[in-house]
Full PDB file with SEQRES, HELIX, SHEET, SSBOND, CRYST1, ORIGX, SCALE, CONECT and MASTER records, all heavy atoms in Angstrom:
SEQRES   1 A   42  SER THR ARG LEU ALA SER ILE TYR ALA MET GLY TRP TYR          
SEQRES   2 A   42  ARG GLN ALA PRO GLY LYS GLN ARG GLU LEU VAL ALA GLN          
SEQRES   3 A   42  ILE THR SER SER GLY ASP THR ASN THR ALA ASP SER VAL          
SEQRES   4 A   42  LYS GLY ARG                                                  
SHEET    1 AA1 3 ALA A   9  ARG A  14  0                                        
SHEET    2 AA1 3 GLU A  22  THR A  28 -1                                        
SHEET    3 AA1 3 THR A  33  THR A  35 -1                                        
CRYST1    1.000    1.000    1.000  90.00  90.00  90.00 P 1           1          
ORIGX1      1.000000  0.000000  0.000000        0.00000                         
ORIGX2      0.000000  1.000000  0.000000        0.00000                         
ORIGX3      0.000000  0.000000  1.000000        0.00000                         
SCALE1      1.000000  0.000000  0.000000        0.00000                         
SCALE2      0.000000  1.000000  0.000000        0.00000                         
SCALE3      0.000000  0.000000  1.000000        0.00000                         
ATOM      1  N   SER A   1      21.900   2.675 -10.513  1.00  0.00           N  
ATOM      2  CA  SER A   1      21.114   3.272  -9.328  1.00  0.00           C  
ATOM      3  C   SER A   1      21.902   4.218  -8.658  1.00  0.00           C  
ATOM      4  O   SER A   1      21.336   5.183  -7.852  1.00  0.00           O  
ATOM      5  CB  SER A   1      20.584   2.113  -8.461  1.00  0.00           C  
ATOM      6  OG  SER A   1      21.754   1.456  -7.859  1.00  0.00           O  
ATOM      7  N   THR A   2      23.236   4.198  -8.687  1.00  0.00           N  
ATOM      8  CA  THR A   2      24.113   5.164  -8.002  1.00  0.00           C  
ATOM      9  C   THR A   2      25.468   5.149  -8.754  1.00  0.00           C  
ATOM     10  O   THR A   2      25.675   4.449  -9.546  1.00  0.00           O  
ATOM     11  CB  THR A   2      24.299   4.656  -6.600  1.00  0.00           C  
ATOM     12  OG1 THR A   2      25.065   5.613  -5.820  1.00  0.00           O  
ATOM     13  CG2 THR A   2      25.116   3.310  -6.404  1.00  0.00           C  
ATOM     14  N   ARG A   3      26.249   6.103  -8.427  1.00  0.00           N  
ATOM     15  CA  ARG A   3      27.533   6.362  -9.000  1.00  0.00           C  
ATOM     16  C   ARG A   3      28.671   5.768  -7.880  1.00  0.00           C  
ATOM     17  O   ARG A   3      28.761   6.325  -6.855  1.00  0.00           O  
ATOM     18  CB  ARG A   3      27.869   7.680  -9.267  1.00  0.00           C  
ATOM     19  CG  ARG A   3      29.175   7.919  -9.885  1.00  0.00           C  
ATOM     20  CD  ARG A   3      29.331   9.454 -10.466  1.00  0.00           C  
ATOM     21  NE  ARG A   3      30.680   9.687 -11.008  1.00  0.00           N  
ATOM     22  CZ  ARG A   3      30.965   9.349 -12.269  1.00  0.00           C  
ATOM     23  NH1 ARG A   3      30.046   8.908 -13.108  1.00  0.00           N  
ATOM     24  NH2 ARG A   3      32.164   9.673 -12.727  1.00  0.00           N  
ATOM     25  N   LEU A   4      29.328   4.630  -8.274  1.00  0.00           N  
ATOM     26  CA  LEU A   4      30.280   4.192  -7.405  1.00  0.00           C  
ATOM     27  C   LEU A   4      31.718   4.501  -7.976  1.00  0.00           C  
ATOM     28  O   LEU A   4      32.005   4.207  -9.168  1.00  0.00           O  
ATOM     29  CB  LEU A   4      30.163   2.635  -7.350  1.00  0.00           C  
ATOM     30  CG  LEU A   4      28.883   2.070  -6.720  1.00  0.00           C  
ATOM     31  CD1 LEU A   4      28.952   0.538  -6.699  1.00  0.00           C  
ATOM     32  CD2 LEU A   4      28.744   2.580  -5.364  1.00  0.00           C  
ATOM     33  N   ALA A   5      32.511   5.077  -7.181  1.00  0.00           N  
ATOM     34  CA  ALA A   5      33.918   5.328  -7.547  1.00  0.00           C  
ATOM     35  C   ALA A   5      34.633   4.172  -8.027  1.00  0.00           C  
ATOM     36  O   ALA A   5      35.576   4.311  -8.726  1.00  0.00           O  
ATOM     37  CB  ALA A   5      34.531   6.202  -6.447  1.00  0.00           C  
ATOM     38  N   SER A   6      34.277   3.079  -7.591  1.00  0.00           N  
ATOM     39  CA  SER A   6      34.988   1.757  -7.801  1.00  0.00           C  
ATOM     40  C   SER A   6      34.667   1.273  -9.097  1.00  0.00           C  
ATOM     41  O   SER A   6      35.437   0.249  -9.530  1.00  0.00           O  
ATOM     42  CB  SER A   6      34.643   0.716  -6.633  1.00  0.00           C  
ATOM     43  OG  SER A   6      33.423   0.485  -6.545  1.00  0.00           O  
ATOM     44  N   ILE A   7      33.656   1.694  -9.824  1.00  0.00           N  
ATOM     45  CA  ILE A   7      33.235   1.187 -11.202  1.00  0.00           C  
ATOM     46  C   ILE A   7      34.333   1.689 -12.112  1.00  0.00           C  
ATOM     47  O   ILE A   7      34.462   3.011 -12.291  1.00  0.00           O  
ATOM     48  CB  ILE A   7      31.975   1.569 -11.496  1.00  0.00           C  
ATOM     49  CG1 ILE A   7      30.935   0.907 -10.551  1.00  0.00           C  
ATOM     50  CG2 ILE A   7      31.728   1.119 -13.087  1.00  0.00           C  
ATOM     51  CD1 ILE A   7      30.890  -0.477 -10.607  1.00  0.00           C  
ATOM     52  N   TYR A   8      35.100   0.814 -12.731  1.00  0.00           N  
ATOM     53  CA  TYR A   8      36.063   1.228 -13.880  1.00  0.00           C  
ATOM     54  C   TYR A   8      35.700   1.048 -15.213  1.00  0.00           C  
ATOM     55  O   TYR A   8      36.289   1.683 -16.117  1.00  0.00           O  
ATOM     56  CB  TYR A   8      37.419   0.586 -13.463  1.00  0.00           C  
ATOM     57  CG  TYR A   8      37.476  -0.917 -13.682  1.00  0.00           C  
ATOM     58  CD1 TYR A   8      37.681  -1.380 -14.899  1.00  0.00           C  
ATOM     59  CD2 TYR A   8      37.373  -1.758 -12.744  1.00  0.00           C  
ATOM     60  CE1 TYR A   8      37.720  -2.749 -15.238  1.00  0.00           C  
ATOM     61  CE2 TYR A   8      37.311  -3.171 -12.974  1.00  0.00           C  
ATOM     62  CZ  TYR A   8      37.591  -3.603 -14.099  1.00  0.00           C  
ATOM     63  OH  TYR A   8      37.568  -5.020 -14.360  1.00  0.00           O  
ATOM     64  N   ALA A   9      34.456   0.247 -15.461  1.00  0.00           N  
ATOM     65  CA  ALA A   9      34.124   0.123 -16.770  1.00  0.00           C  
ATOM     66  C   ALA A   9      32.572  -0.316 -16.696  1.00  0.00           C  
ATOM     67  O   ALA A   9      32.171  -1.007 -15.829  1.00  0.00           O  
ATOM     68  CB  ALA A   9      34.958  -1.041 -17.497  1.00  0.00           C  
ATOM     69  N   MET A  10      31.864   0.040 -17.783  1.00  0.00           N  
ATOM     70  CA  MET A  10      30.496  -0.349 -18.017  1.00  0.00           C  
ATOM     71  C   MET A  10      30.321  -0.765 -19.473  1.00  0.00           C  
ATOM     72  O   MET A  10      31.076  -0.285 -20.334  1.00  0.00           O  
ATOM     73  CB  MET A  10      29.426   0.617 -17.725  1.00  0.00           C  
ATOM     74  CG  MET A  10      29.449   1.052 -16.278  1.00  0.00           C  
ATOM     75  SD  MET A  10      28.140   2.229 -15.766  1.00  0.00           S  
ATOM     76  CE  MET A  10      26.643   1.230 -16.079  1.00  0.00           C  
ATOM     77  N   GLY A  11      29.477  -1.710 -19.656  1.00  0.00           N  
ATOM     78  CA  GLY A  11      29.421  -2.216 -21.010  1.00  0.00           C  
ATOM     79  C   GLY A  11      28.181  -3.062 -21.288  1.00  0.00           C  
ATOM     80  O   GLY A  11      27.296  -3.060 -20.462  1.00  0.00           O  
ATOM     81  N   TRP A  12      28.108  -3.586 -22.504  1.00  0.00           N  
ATOM     82  CA  TRP A  12      26.956  -4.318 -22.902  1.00  0.00           C  
ATOM     83  C   TRP A  12      27.453  -5.667 -23.329  1.00  0.00           C  
ATOM     84  O   TRP A  12      28.369  -5.754 -24.198  1.00  0.00           O  
ATOM     85  CB  TRP A  12      26.247  -3.712 -24.092  1.00  0.00           C  
ATOM     86  CG  TRP A  12      25.550  -2.392 -23.711  1.00  0.00           C  
ATOM     87  CD1 TRP A  12      26.019  -1.175 -23.733  1.00  0.00           C  
ATOM     88  CD2 TRP A  12      24.111  -2.299 -23.205  1.00  0.00           C  
ATOM     89  NE1 TRP A  12      25.037  -0.206 -23.288  1.00  0.00           N  
ATOM     90  CE2 TRP A  12      23.846  -0.875 -22.920  1.00  0.00           C  
ATOM     91  CE3 TRP A  12      23.212  -3.307 -22.977  1.00  0.00           C  
ATOM     92  CZ2 TRP A  12      22.736  -0.471 -22.411  1.00  0.00           C  
ATOM     93  CZ3 TRP A  12      21.925  -2.821 -22.445  1.00  0.00           C  
ATOM     94  CH2 TRP A  12      21.752  -1.493 -22.204  1.00  0.00           C  
ATOM     95  N   TYR A  13      26.693  -6.729 -23.034  1.00  0.00           N  
ATOM     96  CA  TYR A  13      26.913  -8.109 -23.410  1.00  0.00           C  
ATOM     97  C   TYR A  13      25.611  -8.620 -24.061  1.00  0.00           C  
ATOM     98  O   TYR A  13      24.564  -7.959 -23.788  1.00  0.00           O  
ATOM     99  CB  TYR A  13      27.351  -9.007 -22.318  1.00  0.00           C  
ATOM    100  CG  TYR A  13      28.739  -8.777 -21.731  1.00  0.00           C  
ATOM    101  CD1 TYR A  13      29.020  -7.604 -21.014  1.00  0.00           C  
ATOM    102  CD2 TYR A  13      29.672  -9.753 -21.871  1.00  0.00           C  
ATOM    103  CE1 TYR A  13      30.354  -7.487 -20.537  1.00  0.00           C  
ATOM    104  CE2 TYR A  13      30.928  -9.637 -21.373  1.00  0.00           C  
ATOM    105  CZ  TYR A  13      31.316  -8.550 -20.703  1.00  0.00           C  
ATOM    106  OH  TYR A  13      32.449  -8.392 -20.252  1.00  0.00           O  
ATOM    107  N   ARG A  14      25.733  -9.609 -24.824  1.00  0.00           N  
ATOM    108  CA  ARG A  14      24.642 -10.307 -25.403  1.00  0.00           C  
ATOM    109  C   ARG A  14      24.635 -11.713 -25.280  1.00  0.00           C  
ATOM    110  O   ARG A  14      25.642 -12.284 -25.455  1.00  0.00           O  
ATOM    111  CB  ARG A  14      24.276  -9.704 -26.808  1.00  0.00           C  
ATOM    112  CG  ARG A  14      25.312 -10.136 -27.860  1.00  0.00           C  
ATOM    113  CD  ARG A  14      25.032  -9.415 -29.195  1.00  0.00           C  
ATOM    114  NE  ARG A  14      25.830  -9.927 -30.247  1.00  0.00           N  
ATOM    115  CZ  ARG A  14      25.887  -9.419 -31.555  1.00  0.00           C  
ATOM    116  NH1 ARG A  14      24.997  -8.423 -31.849  1.00  0.00           N  
ATOM    117  NH2 ARG A  14      26.692  -9.827 -32.360  1.00  0.00           N  
ATOM    118  N   GLN A  15      23.374 -12.383 -25.312  1.00  0.00           N  
ATOM    119  CA  GLN A  15      23.398 -13.694 -25.356  1.00  0.00           C  
ATOM    120  C   GLN A  15      22.204 -14.151 -26.268  1.00  0.00           C  
ATOM    121  O   GLN A  15      21.205 -13.906 -25.981  1.00  0.00           O  
ATOM    122  CB  GLN A  15      23.176 -14.332 -23.968  1.00  0.00           C  
ATOM    123  CG  GLN A  15      23.275 -15.870 -23.893  1.00  0.00           C  
ATOM    124  CD  GLN A  15      23.422 -16.335 -22.382  1.00  0.00           C  
ATOM    125  OE1 GLN A  15      23.285 -15.724 -21.476  1.00  0.00           O  
ATOM    126  NE2 GLN A  15      23.980 -17.626 -22.295  1.00  0.00           N  
ATOM    127  N   ALA A  16      22.586 -15.014 -27.329  1.00  0.00           N  
ATOM    128  CA  ALA A  16      21.552 -15.504 -28.214  1.00  0.00           C  
ATOM    129  C   ALA A  16      21.199 -16.925 -27.717  1.00  0.00           C  
ATOM    130  O   ALA A  16      22.041 -17.494 -27.083  1.00  0.00           O  
ATOM    131  CB  ALA A  16      22.080 -15.518 -29.672  1.00  0.00           C  
ATOM    132  N   PRO A  17      20.065 -17.478 -28.160  1.00  0.00           N  
ATOM    133  CA  PRO A  17      19.678 -18.771 -27.820  1.00  0.00           C  
ATOM    134  C   PRO A  17      20.693 -19.814 -28.062  1.00  0.00           C  
ATOM    135  O   PRO A  17      21.217 -19.833 -29.293  1.00  0.00           O  
ATOM    136  CB  PRO A  17      18.319 -18.952 -28.480  1.00  0.00           C  
ATOM    137  CG  PRO A  17      17.828 -17.678 -28.743  1.00  0.00           C  
ATOM    138  CD  PRO A  17      18.977 -16.779 -28.871  1.00  0.00           C  
ATOM    139  N   GLY A  18      21.227 -20.681 -27.220  1.00  0.00           N  
ATOM    140  CA  GLY A  18      22.119 -21.598 -27.563  1.00  0.00           C  
ATOM    141  C   GLY A  18      23.582 -21.192 -27.573  1.00  0.00           C  
ATOM    142  O   GLY A  18      24.604 -21.972 -27.861  1.00  0.00           O  
ATOM    143  N   LYS A  19      23.805 -20.026 -27.341  1.00  0.00           N  
ATOM    144  CA  LYS A  19      25.155 -19.420 -27.425  1.00  0.00           C  
ATOM    145  C   LYS A  19      25.601 -18.954 -26.005  1.00  0.00           C  
ATOM    146  O   LYS A  19      24.812 -18.577 -25.271  1.00  0.00           O  
ATOM    147  CB  LYS A  19      25.215 -18.265 -28.464  1.00  0.00           C  
ATOM    148  CG  LYS A  19      24.981 -18.990 -29.915  1.00  0.00           C  
ATOM    149  CD  LYS A  19      25.280 -17.862 -30.976  1.00  0.00           C  
ATOM    150  CE  LYS A  19      25.156 -18.414 -32.364  1.00  0.00           C  
ATOM    151  NZ  LYS A  19      25.389 -17.374 -33.401  1.00  0.00           N  
ATOM    152  N   GLN A  20      26.822 -18.662 -25.978  1.00  0.00           N  
ATOM    153  CA  GLN A  20      27.498 -18.124 -24.779  1.00  0.00           C  
ATOM    154  C   GLN A  20      27.284 -16.557 -24.857  1.00  0.00           C  
ATOM    155  O   GLN A  20      27.220 -16.025 -25.797  1.00  0.00           O  
ATOM    156  CB  GLN A  20      28.930 -18.424 -24.668  1.00  0.00           C  
ATOM    157  CG  GLN A  20      29.243 -19.767 -24.341  1.00  0.00           C  
ATOM    158  CD  GLN A  20      30.731 -20.042 -24.046  1.00  0.00           C  
ATOM    159  OE1 GLN A  20      31.584 -19.375 -24.542  1.00  0.00           O  
ATOM    160  NE2 GLN A  20      30.972 -21.050 -23.186  1.00  0.00           N  
ATOM    161  N   ARG A  21      27.392 -15.933 -23.514  1.00  0.00           N  
ATOM    162  CA  ARG A  21      27.346 -14.445 -23.506  1.00  0.00           C  
ATOM    163  C   ARG A  21      28.501 -14.014 -23.968  1.00  0.00           C  
ATOM    164  O   ARG A  21      29.661 -14.383 -23.767  1.00  0.00           O  
ATOM    165  CB  ARG A  21      27.105 -14.128 -22.034  1.00  0.00           C  
ATOM    166  CG  ARG A  21      26.655 -12.646 -21.839  1.00  0.00           C  
ATOM    167  CD  ARG A  21      26.341 -12.457 -20.434  1.00  0.00           C  
ATOM    168  NE  ARG A  21      25.112 -13.136 -19.993  1.00  0.00           N  
ATOM    169  CZ  ARG A  21      24.370 -12.861 -18.813  1.00  0.00           C  
ATOM    170  NH1 ARG A  21      24.891 -11.889 -18.001  1.00  0.00           N  
ATOM    171  NH2 ARG A  21      23.299 -13.585 -18.593  1.00  0.00           N  
ATOM    172  N   GLU A  22      28.436 -12.930 -24.841  1.00  0.00           N  
ATOM    173  CA  GLU A  22      29.590 -12.144 -25.441  1.00  0.00           C  
ATOM    174  C   GLU A  22      29.652 -10.768 -25.131  1.00  0.00           C  
ATOM    175  O   GLU A  22      28.584 -10.173 -25.158  1.00  0.00           O  
ATOM    176  CB  GLU A  22      29.689 -12.530 -26.978  1.00  0.00           C  
ATOM    177  CG  GLU A  22      28.540 -12.010 -27.709  1.00  0.00           C  
ATOM    178  CD  GLU A  22      28.723 -12.278 -29.119  1.00  0.00           C  
ATOM    179  OE1 GLU A  22      29.719 -12.889 -29.720  1.00  0.00           O  
ATOM    180  OE2 GLU A  22      27.683 -11.848 -30.025  1.00  0.00           O  
ATOM    181  N   LEU A  23      30.753 -10.161 -25.220  1.00  0.00           N  
ATOM    182  CA  LEU A  23      30.932  -8.751 -25.054  1.00  0.00           C  
ATOM    183  C   LEU A  23      30.520  -8.013 -26.368  1.00  0.00           C  
ATOM    184  O   LEU A  23      31.046  -8.542 -27.414  1.00  0.00           O  
ATOM    185  CB  LEU A  23      32.400  -8.369 -24.695  1.00  0.00           C  
ATOM    186  CG  LEU A  23      32.672  -6.896 -24.664  1.00  0.00           C  
ATOM    187  CD1 LEU A  23      31.979  -6.246 -23.476  1.00  0.00           C  
ATOM    188  CD2 LEU A  23      34.206  -6.662 -24.499  1.00  0.00           C  
ATOM    189  N   VAL A  24      29.709  -7.055 -26.251  1.00  0.00           N  
ATOM    190  CA  VAL A  24      29.385  -6.270 -27.425  1.00  0.00           C  
ATOM    191  C   VAL A  24      30.214  -4.956 -27.434  1.00  0.00           C  
ATOM    192  O   VAL A  24      30.931  -4.644 -28.384  1.00  0.00           O  
ATOM    193  CB  VAL A  24      28.028  -5.928 -27.481  1.00  0.00           C  
ATOM    194  CG1 VAL A  24      27.598  -5.013 -28.610  1.00  0.00           C  
ATOM    195  CG2 VAL A  24      27.071  -7.066 -27.377  1.00  0.00           C  
ATOM    196  N   ALA A  25      30.260  -4.267 -26.320  1.00  0.00           N  
ATOM    197  CA  ALA A  25      31.044  -2.962 -26.388  1.00  0.00           C  
ATOM    198  C   ALA A  25      31.181  -2.627 -24.835  1.00  0.00           C  
ATOM    199  O   ALA A  25      30.327  -2.971 -24.044  1.00  0.00           O  
ATOM    200  CB  ALA A  25      30.305  -1.832 -27.068  1.00  0.00           C  
ATOM    201  N   GLN A  26      32.236  -1.994 -24.578  1.00  0.00           N  
ATOM    202  CA  GLN A  26      32.587  -1.477 -23.218  1.00  0.00           C  
ATOM    203  C   GLN A  26      33.233  -0.081 -23.270  1.00  0.00           C  
ATOM    204  O   GLN A  26      33.878   0.202 -24.190  1.00  0.00           O  
ATOM    205  CB  GLN A  26      33.536  -2.566 -22.554  1.00  0.00           C  
ATOM    206  CG  GLN A  26      33.972  -2.195 -21.196  1.00  0.00           C  
ATOM    207  CD  GLN A  26      34.800  -3.350 -20.696  1.00  0.00           C  
ATOM    208  OE1 GLN A  26      34.255  -4.299 -20.225  1.00  0.00           O  
ATOM    209  NE2 GLN A  26      36.026  -3.159 -20.697  1.00  0.00           N  
ATOM    210  N   ILE A  27      33.022   0.776 -22.142  1.00  0.00           N  
ATOM    211  CA  ILE A  27      33.501   1.949 -22.048  1.00  0.00           C  
ATOM    212  C   ILE A  27      33.985   2.179 -20.599  1.00  0.00           C  
ATOM    213  O   ILE A  27      33.403   1.716 -19.684  1.00  0.00           O  
ATOM    214  CB  ILE A  27      32.396   3.123 -22.349  1.00  0.00           C  
ATOM    215  CG1 ILE A  27      33.109   4.421 -22.323  1.00  0.00           C  
ATOM    216  CG2 ILE A  27      31.251   3.075 -21.474  1.00  0.00           C  
ATOM    217  CD1 ILE A  27      32.273   5.516 -22.919  1.00  0.00           C  
ATOM    218  N   THR A  28      35.254   2.594 -20.482  1.00  0.00           N  
ATOM    219  CA  THR A  28      35.926   2.759 -19.126  1.00  0.00           C  
ATOM    220  C   THR A  28      35.624   4.208 -18.608  1.00  0.00           C  
ATOM    221  O   THR A  28      35.022   5.029 -19.313  1.00  0.00           O  
ATOM    222  CB  THR A  28      37.489   2.567 -19.325  1.00  0.00           C  
ATOM    223  OG1 THR A  28      37.999   3.742 -20.030  1.00  0.00           O  
ATOM    224  CG2 THR A  28      37.851   1.321 -20.126  1.00  0.00           C  
ATOM    225  N   SER A  29      36.020   4.172 -17.314  1.00  0.00           N  
ATOM    226  CA  SER A  29      35.843   5.507 -16.620  1.00  0.00           C  
ATOM    227  C   SER A  29      36.579   6.615 -17.288  1.00  0.00           C  
ATOM    228  O   SER A  29      36.123   7.771 -17.043  1.00  0.00           O  
ATOM    229  CB  SER A  29      36.099   5.312 -15.207  1.00  0.00           C  
ATOM    230  OG  SER A  29      37.621   4.932 -14.999  1.00  0.00           O  
ATOM    231  N   SER A  30      37.675   6.306 -18.053  1.00  0.00           N  
ATOM    232  CA  SER A  30      38.428   7.376 -18.708  1.00  0.00           C  
ATOM    233  C   SER A  30      37.849   7.609 -20.106  1.00  0.00           C  
ATOM    234  O   SER A  30      38.406   8.521 -20.754  1.00  0.00           O  
ATOM    235  CB  SER A  30      39.883   6.859 -18.746  1.00  0.00           C  
ATOM    236  OG  SER A  30      40.012   5.735 -19.492  1.00  0.00           O  
ATOM    237  N   GLY A  31      36.905   6.834 -20.604  1.00  0.00           N  
ATOM    238  CA  GLY A  31      36.231   7.148 -21.813  1.00  0.00           C  
ATOM    239  C   GLY A  31      36.830   6.299 -22.919  1.00  0.00           C  
ATOM    240  O   GLY A  31      36.335   6.405 -24.115  1.00  0.00           O  
ATOM    241  N   ASP A  32      37.728   5.362 -22.612  1.00  0.00           N  
ATOM    242  CA  ASP A  32      38.220   4.417 -23.654  1.00  0.00           C  
ATOM    243  C   ASP A  32      37.041   3.386 -23.983  1.00  0.00           C  
ATOM    244  O   ASP A  32      36.359   3.005 -23.059  1.00  0.00           O  
ATOM    245  CB  ASP A  32      39.409   3.715 -23.273  1.00  0.00           C  
ATOM    246  CG  ASP A  32      40.604   4.761 -22.981  1.00  0.00           C  
ATOM    247  OD1 ASP A  32      40.633   5.612 -23.728  1.00  0.00           O  
ATOM    248  OD2 ASP A  32      41.315   4.337 -22.235  1.00  0.00           O  
ATOM    249  N   THR A  33      36.985   3.179 -25.290  1.00  0.00           N  
ATOM    250  CA  THR A  33      35.965   2.222 -25.669  1.00  0.00           C  
ATOM    251  C   THR A  33      36.561   0.866 -26.399  1.00  0.00           C  
ATOM    252  O   THR A  33      37.580   0.902 -26.968  1.00  0.00           O  
ATOM    253  CB  THR A  33      34.912   2.770 -26.703  1.00  0.00           C  
ATOM    254  OG1 THR A  33      35.614   3.233 -27.892  1.00  0.00           O  
ATOM    255  CG2 THR A  33      34.179   3.991 -26.037  1.00  0.00           C  
ATOM    256  N   ASN A  34      35.734  -0.131 -26.287  1.00  0.00           N  
ATOM    257  CA  ASN A  34      36.163  -1.469 -26.816  1.00  0.00           C  
ATOM    258  C   ASN A  34      34.979  -2.079 -27.503  1.00  0.00           C  
ATOM    259  O   ASN A  34      33.975  -2.199 -26.847  1.00  0.00           O  
ATOM    260  CB  ASN A  34      36.734  -2.346 -25.882  1.00  0.00           C  
ATOM    261  CG  ASN A  34      37.216  -3.725 -26.416  1.00  0.00           C  
ATOM    262  OD1 ASN A  34      37.516  -3.868 -27.618  1.00  0.00           O  
ATOM    263  ND2 ASN A  34      37.099  -4.797 -25.560  1.00  0.00           N  
ATOM    264  N   THR A  35      34.967  -2.375 -28.841  1.00  0.00           N  
ATOM    265  CA  THR A  35      33.811  -2.813 -29.485  1.00  0.00           C  
ATOM    266  C   THR A  35      34.113  -4.143 -30.190  1.00  0.00           C  
ATOM    267  O   THR A  35      35.151  -4.272 -30.845  1.00  0.00           O  
ATOM    268  CB  THR A  35      33.256  -1.765 -30.531  1.00  0.00           C  
ATOM    269  OG1 THR A  35      33.187  -0.443 -29.840  1.00  0.00           O  
ATOM    270  CG2 THR A  35      31.953  -2.118 -31.170  1.00  0.00           C  
ATOM    271  N   ALA A  36      33.119  -5.077 -30.165  1.00  0.00           N  
ATOM    272  CA  ALA A  36      33.398  -6.358 -30.816  1.00  0.00           C  
ATOM    273  C   ALA A  36      33.507  -6.230 -32.303  1.00  0.00           C  
ATOM    274  O   ALA A  36      32.837  -5.359 -32.856  1.00  0.00           O  
ATOM    275  CB  ALA A  36      32.201  -7.257 -30.468  1.00  0.00           C  
ATOM    276  N   ASP A  37      34.281  -7.022 -32.987  1.00  0.00           N  
ATOM    277  CA  ASP A  37      34.533  -6.910 -34.298  1.00  0.00           C  
ATOM    278  C   ASP A  37      33.197  -7.072 -35.097  1.00  0.00           C  
ATOM    279  O   ASP A  37      32.949  -6.467 -36.129  1.00  0.00           O  
ATOM    280  CB  ASP A  37      35.566  -7.959 -34.882  1.00  0.00           C  
ATOM    281  CG  ASP A  37      36.860  -7.648 -34.450  1.00  0.00           C  
ATOM    282  OD1 ASP A  37      37.159  -6.384 -34.144  1.00  0.00           O  
ATOM    283  OD2 ASP A  37      37.790  -8.534 -34.455  1.00  0.00           O  
ATOM    284  N   SER A  38      32.283  -7.957 -34.504  1.00  0.00           N  
ATOM    285  CA  SER A  38      31.076  -8.287 -35.346  1.00  0.00           C  
ATOM    286  C   SER A  38      30.043  -7.039 -35.271  1.00  0.00           C  
ATOM    287  O   SER A  38      29.218  -7.001 -36.219  1.00  0.00           O  
ATOM    288  CB  SER A  38      30.331  -9.402 -34.508  1.00  0.00           C  
ATOM    289  OG  SER A  38      30.054  -9.057 -33.267  1.00  0.00           O  
ATOM    290  N   VAL A  39      30.369  -6.046 -34.446  1.00  0.00           N  
ATOM    291  CA  VAL A  39      29.429  -4.843 -34.410  1.00  0.00           C  
ATOM    292  C   VAL A  39      30.174  -3.538 -34.705  1.00  0.00           C  
ATOM    293  O   VAL A  39      29.427  -2.470 -34.816  1.00  0.00           O  
ATOM    294  CB  VAL A  39      28.590  -4.822 -33.257  1.00  0.00           C  
ATOM    295  CG1 VAL A  39      27.844  -6.058 -32.953  1.00  0.00           C  
ATOM    296  CG2 VAL A  39      29.577  -4.308 -32.075  1.00  0.00           C  
ATOM    297  N   LYS A  40      31.430  -3.663 -34.969  1.00  0.00           N  
ATOM    298  CA  LYS A  40      32.239  -2.397 -35.183  1.00  0.00           C  
ATOM    299  C   LYS A  40      31.739  -1.808 -36.527  1.00  0.00           C  
ATOM    300  O   LYS A  40      31.513  -2.273 -37.560  1.00  0.00           O  
ATOM    301  CB  LYS A  40      33.633  -2.906 -35.372  1.00  0.00           C  
ATOM    302  CG  LYS A  40      34.608  -1.719 -35.110  1.00  0.00           C  
ATOM    303  CD  LYS A  40      36.010  -2.222 -34.782  1.00  0.00           C  
ATOM    304  CE  LYS A  40      36.178  -2.917 -33.554  1.00  0.00           C  
ATOM    305  NZ  LYS A  40      37.634  -3.435 -33.207  1.00  0.00           N  
ATOM    306  N   GLY A  41      31.538  -0.417 -36.341  1.00  0.00           N  
ATOM    307  CA  GLY A  41      31.103   0.414 -37.380  1.00  0.00           C  
ATOM    308  C   GLY A  41      29.537   0.493 -37.462  1.00  0.00           C  
ATOM    309  O   GLY A  41      29.010   1.335 -38.292  1.00  0.00           O  
ATOM    310  N   ARG A  42      28.901  -0.321 -36.674  1.00  0.00           N  
ATOM    311  CA  ARG A  42      27.471  -0.260 -36.708  1.00  0.00           C  
ATOM    312  C   ARG A  42      26.934   0.076 -35.230  1.00  0.00           C  
ATOM    313  O   ARG A  42      25.867   0.746 -35.107  1.00  0.00           O  
ATOM    314  CB  ARG A  42      26.862  -1.701 -36.963  1.00  0.00           C  
ATOM    315  CG  ARG A  42      27.226  -2.151 -38.381  1.00  0.00           C  
ATOM    316  CD  ARG A  42      26.451  -3.442 -38.728  1.00  0.00           C  
ATOM    317  NE  ARG A  42      26.798  -4.562 -37.860  1.00  0.00           N  
ATOM    318  CZ  ARG A  42      25.874  -5.261 -37.172  1.00  0.00           C  
ATOM    319  NH1 ARG A  42      24.653  -4.803 -37.175  1.00  0.00           N  
ATOM    320  NH2 ARG A  42      26.216  -6.301 -36.357  1.00  0.00           N  
TER     321      ARG A  42                                                      
MASTER        0    0    0    0    3    0    0    6  320    1    0    4          
END                                                                             
């Protein structure tokens, strides 16, 4: 809804039924990315 200078990273998590929420991918304010092994390349 707005751009906050204090936000240093945004990303996506997912939660399947009966499972814990897990990180899928994240991108920092400097553009660095981090992707879960299970989805890397896809």
